[in-house]
């Protein structure tokens, strides 16, 4: 994706937390409003319609949306970010990319045109090796703050002796007689749409346009050698479960083609205290009855250190407080919040003396000083004619 990203949520007029149904509804409404058939010759409407389709294609696909959300929070990381890695959205998305894609789905191959079409003709088709996917486990704080990691893995690496061609010295070739060096062959079919030309990879040369006359001794003509690879890279701050990065050319090599990519998917370990919500952190802080009633100061952890948090007098159990700027820092420089939920803990295993003191204290507190108990008592008495306490 481009470094200066379009905000697809704004284009569709929905919030970042919109459901799939809300996105679908917004898309249909806008697509109907800006459809080119309703605005012939209107370039602005046509451009708007294109933007709407682009936004829907990404946001209606769960995996693409997840990657888009991550890249939206990390501008500049979608292409060439992550220390030489680049983000990716996956190529399995639903929907067609254009006219050619539609006909490829019908005919199962490259579509070249209707009756009389000349076909693609031209350079040999480049083969691409398989991608390698590796899962990397990160500690909660490594994912939150960013870190440097090294991954070692086995791959089919391009043979250095033949430069990945599989031929002796990289030059022992002859032109493929079947495809004439183009790497592709064509066939003509009659369909309901007329005469069509199908184009596919040449089965003799595998799309290279060349036939090896003498194999490389080191790789035995395969073009690659099995070996261990090691890559060190920077993990940006703020990655989450399912975030992933791609190292172009880090995957398996293929004879006469280009290597696939290395895909590293992150799995983030849970924290003992924090629960993460995007760039916000949530934490339960237990306090005593005294601290909740009278107020007090407790030490609360953050990403880097602890800080003093003042519990206000009269705090109720379950009450939530937001401390701004104490969450996870994103690549944009913005920082999430720390969301504290105070839990008033009731002591157990009290001694006889402790129970006596509590009973005296409770007796000294008027029911009117308990807002919720007072309201509950009033409702019960009005409905049932009896006092609950």
Protein backbone atom coordinates (compact mmCIF):
# COMPACT_ATOMS: atom_id res chain seq x y z
CA UNK A 1 0.00 0.00 0.00
CA UNK A 2 1.07 3.55 -0.53
CA UNK A 3 2.81 5.42 2.26
CA UNK A 4 0.14 8.13 2.32
CA UNK A 5 -2.82 5.88 2.89
CA UNK A 6 -6.40 6.62 1.96
CA UNK A 7 -8.79 6.34 4.87
CA UNK A 8 -11.25 3.74 3.61
CA UNK A 9 -13.47 4.21 6.67
CA UNK A 10 -13.93 7.90 5.83
CA UNK A 11 -14.56 7.07 2.17
CA UNK A 12 -17.43 4.74 3.14
CA UNK A 13 -18.56 7.02 5.96
CA UNK A 14 -18.31 4.37 8.68
CA UNK A 15 -16.44 4.13 11.96
CA UNK A 16 -13.29 2.06 12.44
CA UNK A 17 -15.32 -0.37 14.54
CA UNK A 18 -18.06 -0.80 11.93
CA UNK A 19 -19.42 -4.32 11.49
CA UNK A 20 -19.29 -6.23 8.20
CA UNK A 21 -23.00 -5.56 7.68
CA UNK A 22 -22.55 -1.82 8.26
CA UNK A 23 -19.71 -1.72 5.73
CA UNK A 24 -21.78 -3.65 3.17
CA UNK A 25 -24.75 -1.33 3.66
CA UNK A 26 -22.62 1.82 3.33
CA UNK A 27 -20.93 0.47 0.20
CA UNK A 28 -24.20 -0.40 -1.54
CA UNK A 29 -25.67 3.01 -0.77
CA UNK A 30 -22.64 4.92 -2.06
CA UNK A 31 -22.10 2.65 -5.08
CA UNK A 32 -25.69 3.28 -6.14
CA UNK A 33 -25.26 7.03 -5.60
CA UNK A 34 -22.04 7.40 -7.61
CA UNK A 35 -22.50 4.70 -10.26
CA UNK A 36 -21.07 5.94 -13.61
CA UNK A 37 -24.33 5.07 -15.41
CA UNK A 38 -26.04 7.78 -13.36
CA UNK A 39 -23.29 10.34 -14.04
CA UNK A 40 -22.20 9.96 -17.68
CA UNK A 41 -19.13 12.05 -18.44
CA UNK A 42 -18.63 13.05 -14.79
CA UNK A 43 -14.96 12.32 -14.05
CA UNK A 44 -15.31 13.22 -10.37
CA UNK A 45 -18.16 10.74 -9.87
CA UNK A 46 -16.19 8.05 -11.70
CA UNK A 47 -13.19 8.62 -9.44
CA UNK A 48 -15.42 8.55 -6.36
CA UNK A 49 -16.98 5.28 -7.53
CA UNK A 50 -13.50 3.82 -7.98
CA UNK A 51 -12.51 4.88 -4.44
CA UNK A 52 -15.68 3.36 -2.99
CA UNK A 53 -14.97 0.01 -4.68
CA UNK A 54 -11.36 0.08 -3.52
CA UNK A 55 -12.43 0.76 0.07
CA UNK A 56 -15.04 -1.99 0.02
CA UNK A 57 -12.65 -4.55 -1.46
CA UNK A 58 -10.32 -4.08 1.51
CA UNK A 59 -12.76 -3.58 4.38
CA UNK A 60 -15.11 -6.40 3.36
CA UNK A 61 -12.26 -8.93 3.54
CA UNK A 62 -11.41 -9.76 7.17
CA UNK A 63 -7.72 -10.50 6.53
CA UNK A 64 -7.18 -7.48 4.29
CA UNK A 65 -8.98 -5.26 6.79
CA UNK A 66 -6.80 -6.51 9.63
CA UNK A 67 -3.63 -5.72 7.70
CA UNK A 68 -5.03 -2.36 6.54
CA UNK A 69 -5.86 -1.36 10.13
CA UNK A 70 -2.32 -2.22 11.19
CA UNK A 71 -0.77 -0.27 8.31
CA UNK A 72 -3.10 2.67 9.02
CA UNK A 73 -1.58 2.84 12.50
CA UNK A 74 1.93 2.36 11.06
CA UNK A 75 2.22 4.67 8.03
CA UNK A 76 5.23 4.00 5.85
CA UNK A 77 5.53 0.39 6.91
CA UNK A 78 3.39 -1.04 4.14
CA UNK A 79 6.19 -0.90 1.59
CA UNK A 80 9.80 -1.30 2.55
CA UNK A 81 9.12 -0.82 6.26
CA UNK A 82 10.26 -3.13 9.06
CA UNK A 83 13.94 -2.76 8.23
CA UNK A 84 13.84 -4.05 4.67
CA UNK A 85 10.62 -6.01 5.05
CA UNK A 86 7.38 -4.94 3.54
CA UNK A 87 3.83 -5.43 4.73
CA UNK A 88 1.39 -7.36 2.61
CA UNK A 89 -2.32 -7.81 2.41
CA UNK A 90 -2.47 -11.23 0.86
CA UNK A 91 -3.54 -12.11 -2.65
CA UNK A 92 -6.57 -14.22 -1.91
CA UNK A 93 -9.11 -11.41 -1.81
CA UNK A 94 -12.55 -11.85 -3.21
CA UNK A 95 -13.72 -9.84 -6.19
CA UNK A 96 -12.19 -9.35 -9.61
CA UNK A 97 -9.31 -7.03 -10.39
CA UNK A 98 -10.62 -6.15 -13.84
CA UNK A 99 -11.92 -7.37 -17.20
CA UNK A 100 -9.10 -9.87 -17.72
CA UNK A 101 -9.60 -11.38 -14.26
CA UNK A 102 -13.28 -12.01 -14.97
CA UNK A 103 -12.50 -14.02 -18.09
CA UNK A 104 -9.63 -15.83 -16.41
CA UNK A 105 -12.17 -17.14 -13.93
CA UNK A 106 -14.29 -18.48 -16.81
CA UNK A 107 -11.55 -20.04 -18.88
CA UNK A 108 -9.00 -21.00 -16.24
CA UNK A 109 -6.02 -19.31 -17.86
CA UNK A 110 -4.61 -16.07 -19.19
CA UNK A 111 -7.20 -14.40 -21.40
CA UNK A 112 -5.84 -12.72 -24.51
CA UNK A 113 -8.88 -11.41 -26.33
CA UNK A 114 -11.82 -12.23 -28.57
CA UNK A 115 -11.81 -13.51 -32.14
CA UNK A 116 -8.74 -12.54 -34.10
CA UNK A 117 -6.79 -11.52 -30.99
CA UNK A 118 -3.04 -11.60 -31.42
CA UNK A 119 -2.34 -13.02 -27.99
CA UNK A 120 0.16 -11.81 -25.45
CA UNK A 121 3.28 -12.83 -27.38
CA UNK A 122 6.59 -11.52 -25.98
CA UNK A 123 8.93 -12.32 -23.13
CA UNK A 124 9.02 -15.65 -21.34
CA UNK A 125 6.88 -15.93 -18.23
CA UNK A 126 8.85 -15.57 -15.00
CA UNK A 127 8.31 -18.34 -12.48
CA UNK A 128 8.02 -17.53 -8.79
CA UNK A 129 9.17 -19.83 -6.00
CA UNK A 130 7.04 -20.83 -3.05
CA UNK A 131 6.65 -18.55 -0.04
CA UNK A 132 7.90 -19.70 3.34
CA UNK A 133 5.78 -18.89 6.39
CA UNK A 134 7.33 -18.84 9.85
CA UNK A 135 5.58 -18.16 13.14
CA UNK A 136 7.47 -16.09 15.70
CA UNK A 137 6.41 -15.82 19.33
CA UNK A 138 6.98 -12.47 21.01
CA UNK A 139 6.68 -11.54 24.65
CA UNK A 140 3.92 -9.06 25.42
CA UNK A 141 6.40 -6.25 26.07
CA UNK A 142 8.58 -7.01 23.02
CA UNK A 143 5.47 -6.64 20.88
CA UNK A 144 4.43 -3.47 22.69
CA UNK A 145 7.81 -1.72 22.64
CA UNK A 146 9.42 -3.21 19.53
CA UNK A 147 12.62 -5.24 19.38
CA UNK A 148 15.23 -6.80 17.12
CA UNK A 149 14.87 -10.47 16.23
CA UNK A 150 16.74 -13.09 14.23
CA UNK A 151 15.07 -15.99 12.46
CA UNK A 152 16.89 -19.04 11.08
CA UNK A 153 15.17 -21.36 8.61
CA UNK A 154 15.81 -23.81 5.78
CA UNK A 155 15.16 -22.73 2.21
CA UNK A 156 15.89 -23.66 -1.38
CA UNK A 157 18.47 -20.96 -2.12
CA UNK A 158 19.49 -19.96 -5.68
CA UNK A 159 22.49 -21.96 -6.86
CA UNK A 160 25.47 -19.61 -7.07
CA UNK A 161 27.28 -21.69 -9.70
CA UNK A 162 24.55 -21.41 -12.32
CA UNK A 163 22.86 -18.26 -10.94
CA UNK A 164 19.66 -20.21 -10.43
CA UNK A 165 19.30 -21.28 -14.07
CA UNK A 166 20.10 -24.97 -13.58
CA UNK A 167 22.41 -24.88 -16.60
CA UNK A 168 26.18 -25.37 -16.52
CA UNK A 169 27.89 -21.99 -15.96
CA UNK A 170 24.46 -20.42 -16.42
CA UNK A 171 24.84 -20.46 -20.20
CA UNK A 172 24.22 -24.04 -21.43
CA UNK A 173 20.84 -23.36 -23.06
CA UNK A 174 19.02 -23.60 -26.34
CA UNK A 175 15.81 -21.86 -27.34
CA UNK A 176 12.67 -23.87 -26.66
CA UNK A 177 11.33 -25.07 -30.02
CA UNK A 178 7.75 -25.46 -28.81
CA UNK A 179 7.19 -21.86 -27.69
CA UNK A 180 9.95 -20.20 -29.71
CA UNK A 181 11.52 -18.77 -26.56
CA UNK A 182 8.35 -16.98 -25.42
CA UNK A 183 7.68 -19.30 -22.49
CA UNK A 184 3.99 -19.44 -23.32
CA UNK A 185 1.80 -21.40 -25.71
CA UNK A 186 -1.64 -20.47 -27.01
CA UNK A 187 -4.77 -22.35 -28.02
CA UNK A 188 -7.95 -21.13 -29.70
CA UNK A 189 -11.41 -22.01 -28.36
CA UNK A 190 -14.93 -21.22 -29.50
CA UNK A 191 -17.18 -20.11 -26.62
CA UNK A 192 -20.51 -18.35 -26.14
CA UNK A 193 -18.54 -15.10 -26.21
CA UNK A 194 -16.97 -15.86 -29.56
CA UNK A 195 -13.52 -17.08 -30.46
CA UNK A 196 -11.09 -16.82 -27.57
CA UNK A 197 -7.39 -17.41 -27.23
CA UNK A 198 -6.11 -19.15 -24.13
CA UNK A 199 -2.54 -18.67 -23.07
CA UNK A 200 -0.59 -20.90 -20.69
CA UNK A 201 2.91 -21.74 -19.56
CA UNK A 202 4.88 -23.82 -22.03
CA UNK A 203 5.03 -27.40 -20.66
CA UNK A 204 8.42 -28.10 -22.29
CA UNK A 205 10.47 -25.23 -20.83
CA UNK A 206 8.29 -24.41 -17.82
CA UNK A 207 7.91 -20.80 -18.93
CA UNK A 208 11.61 -19.92 -19.24
CA UNK A 209 11.74 -20.05 -23.04
CA UNK A 210 14.95 -22.06 -22.79
CA UNK A 211 15.92 -25.73 -22.67
CA UNK A 212 18.99 -26.76 -20.67
CA UNK A 213 21.56 -28.56 -22.82
CA UNK A 214 23.95 -29.39 -19.93
CA UNK A 215 22.93 -29.38 -16.27
CA UNK A 216 24.80 -27.57 -13.51
CA UNK A 217 26.90 -30.08 -11.57
CA UNK A 218 26.29 -28.43 -8.18
CA UNK A 219 22.49 -28.29 -8.20
CA UNK A 220 21.90 -31.10 -10.72
CA UNK A 221 19.87 -28.78 -12.93
CA UNK A 222 17.41 -27.75 -10.21
CA UNK A 223 18.65 -24.16 -10.01
CA UNK A 224 18.66 -24.18 -6.21
CA UNK A 225 20.47 -25.76 -3.26
CA UNK A 226 18.94 -26.58 0.13
CA UNK A 227 20.62 -24.52 2.84
CA UNK A 228 20.00 -22.65 6.09
CA UNK A 229 19.29 -18.94 5.98
CA UNK A 230 19.34 -16.40 8.79
CA UNK A 231 17.78 -12.95 8.80
CA UNK A 232 17.86 -10.23 11.47
CA UNK A 233 15.15 -7.59 11.41
CA UNK A 234 13.44 -4.95 13.52
CA UNK A 235 10.00 -5.69 14.95
CA UNK A 236 8.14 -2.35 15.14
CA UNK A 237 6.41 -1.26 18.33
CA UNK A 238 2.75 -2.13 18.51
CA UNK A 239 2.56 -5.41 16.58
CA UNK A 240 -0.26 -7.69 17.69
CA UNK A 241 -1.42 -11.28 17.30
CA UNK A 242 -1.67 -12.06 13.59
CA UNK A 243 0.46 -9.11 12.47
CA UNK A 244 2.89 -10.23 9.82
CA UNK A 245 5.71 -8.94 7.65
CA UNK A 246 7.19 -10.09 4.35
CA UNK A 247 10.84 -10.33 3.29
CA UNK A 248 10.86 -10.11 -0.49
CA UNK A 249 12.90 -12.92 -2.07
CA UNK A 250 13.40 -14.70 1.26
CA UNK A 251 11.38 -17.77 0.26
CA UNK A 252 12.19 -20.79 -1.89
CA UNK A 253 14.09 -20.34 -5.15
CA UNK A 254 12.83 -21.94 -8.35
CA UNK A 255 14.82 -22.93 -11.42
CA UNK A 256 14.84 -20.11 -13.95
CA UNK A 257 12.60 -17.83 -11.89
CA UNK A 258 12.55 -15.54 -8.87
CA UNK A 259 12.44 -16.70 -5.23
CA UNK A 260 9.24 -16.52 -3.22
CA UNK A 261 8.96 -14.48 -0.04
CA UNK A 262 9.55 -15.13 3.64
CA UNK A 263 6.43 -14.39 5.68
CA UNK A 264 6.79 -13.99 9.44
CA UNK A 265 3.57 -14.14 11.45
CA UNK A 266 3.66 -12.90 15.03
CA UNK A 267 2.08 -14.63 18.01
CA UNK A 268 2.07 -12.46 21.13
CA UNK A 269 2.19 -14.06 24.56
CA UNK A 270 -0.36 -12.90 27.13
CA UNK A 271 0.71 -10.65 30.01
CA UNK A 272 0.22 -11.48 33.69
CA UNK A 273 -1.52 -8.15 34.38
CA UNK A 274 -2.42 -6.39 31.15
CA UNK A 275 -5.04 -7.08 28.51
CA UNK A 276 -4.48 -5.31 25.21
CA UNK A 277 -7.12 -3.49 23.18
CA UNK A 278 -5.39 -2.16 20.05
CA UNK A 279 -2.97 0.41 21.55
CA UNK A 280 -4.79 0.69 24.88
CA UNK A 281 -3.87 -1.41 27.91
CA UNK A 282 -6.42 -2.62 30.44
CA UNK A 283 -5.61 -3.64 34.00
CA UNK A 284 -7.55 -4.64 37.13
CA UNK A 285 -6.17 -3.02 40.30
CA UNK A 286 -7.42 -4.58 43.57
CA UNK A 287 -7.73 -2.22 46.56
CA UNK A 288 -8.92 -2.57 50.13
CA UNK A 289 -12.28 -1.36 51.43
CA UNK A 290 -10.47 1.37 53.35
CA UNK A 291 -8.65 2.68 50.25
CA UNK A 292 -11.86 2.68 48.25
CA UNK A 293 -13.80 4.46 50.99
CA UNK A 294 -11.17 6.97 52.11
CA UNK A 295 -9.07 7.24 48.95
CA UNK A 296 -5.38 6.53 48.68
CA UNK A 297 -2.38 6.04 46.42
CA UNK A 298 -1.40 2.74 44.80
CA UNK A 299 1.48 1.85 42.49
CA UNK A 300 0.23 0.90 39.03
CA UNK A 301 2.50 -0.56 36.30
CA UNK A 302 2.78 0.89 32.81
CA UNK A 303 4.74 -0.18 29.73
CA UNK A 304 8.09 1.05 31.06
CA UNK A 305 7.67 1.60 34.81
CA UNK A 306 5.22 2.04 37.69
CA UNK A 307 3.55 5.29 38.68
CA UNK A 308 1.42 6.60 41.54
CA UNK A 309 -2.30 6.42 40.92
CA UNK A 310 -4.65 8.20 43.29
CA UNK A 311 -7.82 6.28 44.08
CA UNK A 312 -10.51 8.90 44.77
CA UNK A 313 -12.51 8.80 47.99
CA UNK A 314 -15.72 6.79 47.59
CA UNK A 315 -14.53 4.71 44.62
CA UNK A 316 -16.88 1.84 43.82
CA UNK A 317 -15.77 -1.67 42.85
CA UNK A 318 -15.63 -1.97 39.07
CA UNK A 319 -15.22 1.77 38.56
CA UNK A 320 -13.04 2.57 35.56
CA UNK A 321 -10.41 5.29 35.25
CA UNK A 322 -8.50 6.24 32.09
CA UNK A 323 -4.90 7.43 32.31
CA UNK A 324 -4.05 9.03 28.98
CA UNK A 325 -0.73 8.35 27.28
CA UNK A 326 0.18 5.33 29.42
CA UNK A 327 -0.63 2.71 26.77
CA UNK A 328 1.33 1.38 23.79
CA UNK A 329 3.11 3.81 21.48
CA UNK A 330 2.37 3.43 17.77
CA UNK A 331 4.70 4.15 14.87
CA UNK A 332 2.88 7.44 14.28
CA UNK A 333 4.00 8.68 17.69
CA UNK A 334 0.50 8.49 19.16
CA UNK A 335 0.20 6.58 22.41
CA UNK A 336 -2.74 4.59 23.69
CA UNK A 337 -4.26 4.87 27.15
CA UNK A 338 -4.09 2.80 30.31
CA UNK A 339 -7.58 1.80 31.43
CA UNK A 340 -7.74 0.97 35.14
CA UNK A 341 -10.62 -0.96 36.65
CA UNK A 342 -10.61 -0.72 40.45
CA UNK A 343 -11.68 -3.91 42.21
CA UNK A 344 -12.62 -3.55 45.88
CA UNK A 345 -11.51 -6.78 47.49
CA UNK A 346 -13.37 -8.15 50.50
CA UNK A 347 -11.01 -9.67 53.09
CA UNK A 348 -11.41 -13.31 54.13
CA UNK A 349 -10.45 -15.36 57.21
CA UNK A 350 -11.15 -12.48 59.61
CA UNK A 351 -10.34 -12.82 63.30
CA UNK A 352 -12.98 -12.30 65.97
CA UNK A 353 -11.55 -8.87 66.80
CA UNK A 354 -11.50 -7.80 63.14
CA UNK A 355 -15.13 -8.83 62.76
CA UNK A 356 -16.08 -6.83 65.84
CA UNK A 357 -14.37 -3.71 64.49
CA UNK A 358 -16.07 -4.08 61.11
CA UNK A 359 -19.49 -4.53 62.69
CA UNK A 360 -19.02 -1.40 64.79
CA UNK A 361 -17.85 0.54 61.74
CA UNK A 362 -20.77 -0.64 59.63
CA UNK A 363 -23.25 0.21 62.37
CA UNK A 364 -21.83 3.72 62.53
CA UNK A 365 -22.45 4.34 58.82
CA UNK A 366 -25.94 5.50 57.90
CA UNK A 367 -27.79 3.77 55.04
CA UNK A 368 -28.11 7.16 53.34
CA UNK A 369 -24.35 7.15 52.83
CA UNK A 370 -24.70 4.14 50.52
CA UNK A 371 -26.20 5.43 47.26
CA UNK A 372 -26.88 2.04 45.66
CA UNK A 373 -27.98 0.28 48.86
CA UNK A 374 -30.32 3.16 49.68
CA UNK A 375 -31.87 3.07 46.20
CA UNK A 376 -32.25 -0.71 46.36
CA UNK A 377 -33.86 -0.55 49.82
CA UNK A 378 -36.33 2.12 48.72
CA UNK A 379 -37.43 0.15 45.64
CA UNK A 380 -37.83 -3.13 47.56
CA UNK A 381 -39.83 -1.43 50.30
CA UNK A 382 -42.09 0.38 47.81
CA UNK A 383 -42.80 -2.78 45.82
CA UNK A 384 -42.97 -5.40 48.56
CA UNK A 385 -43.59 -3.42 51.74
CA UNK A 386 -40.54 -4.79 53.53
CA UNK A 387 -37.06 -3.49 54.30
CA UNK A 388 -34.18 -5.60 52.90
CA UNK A 389 -31.67 -4.52 55.57
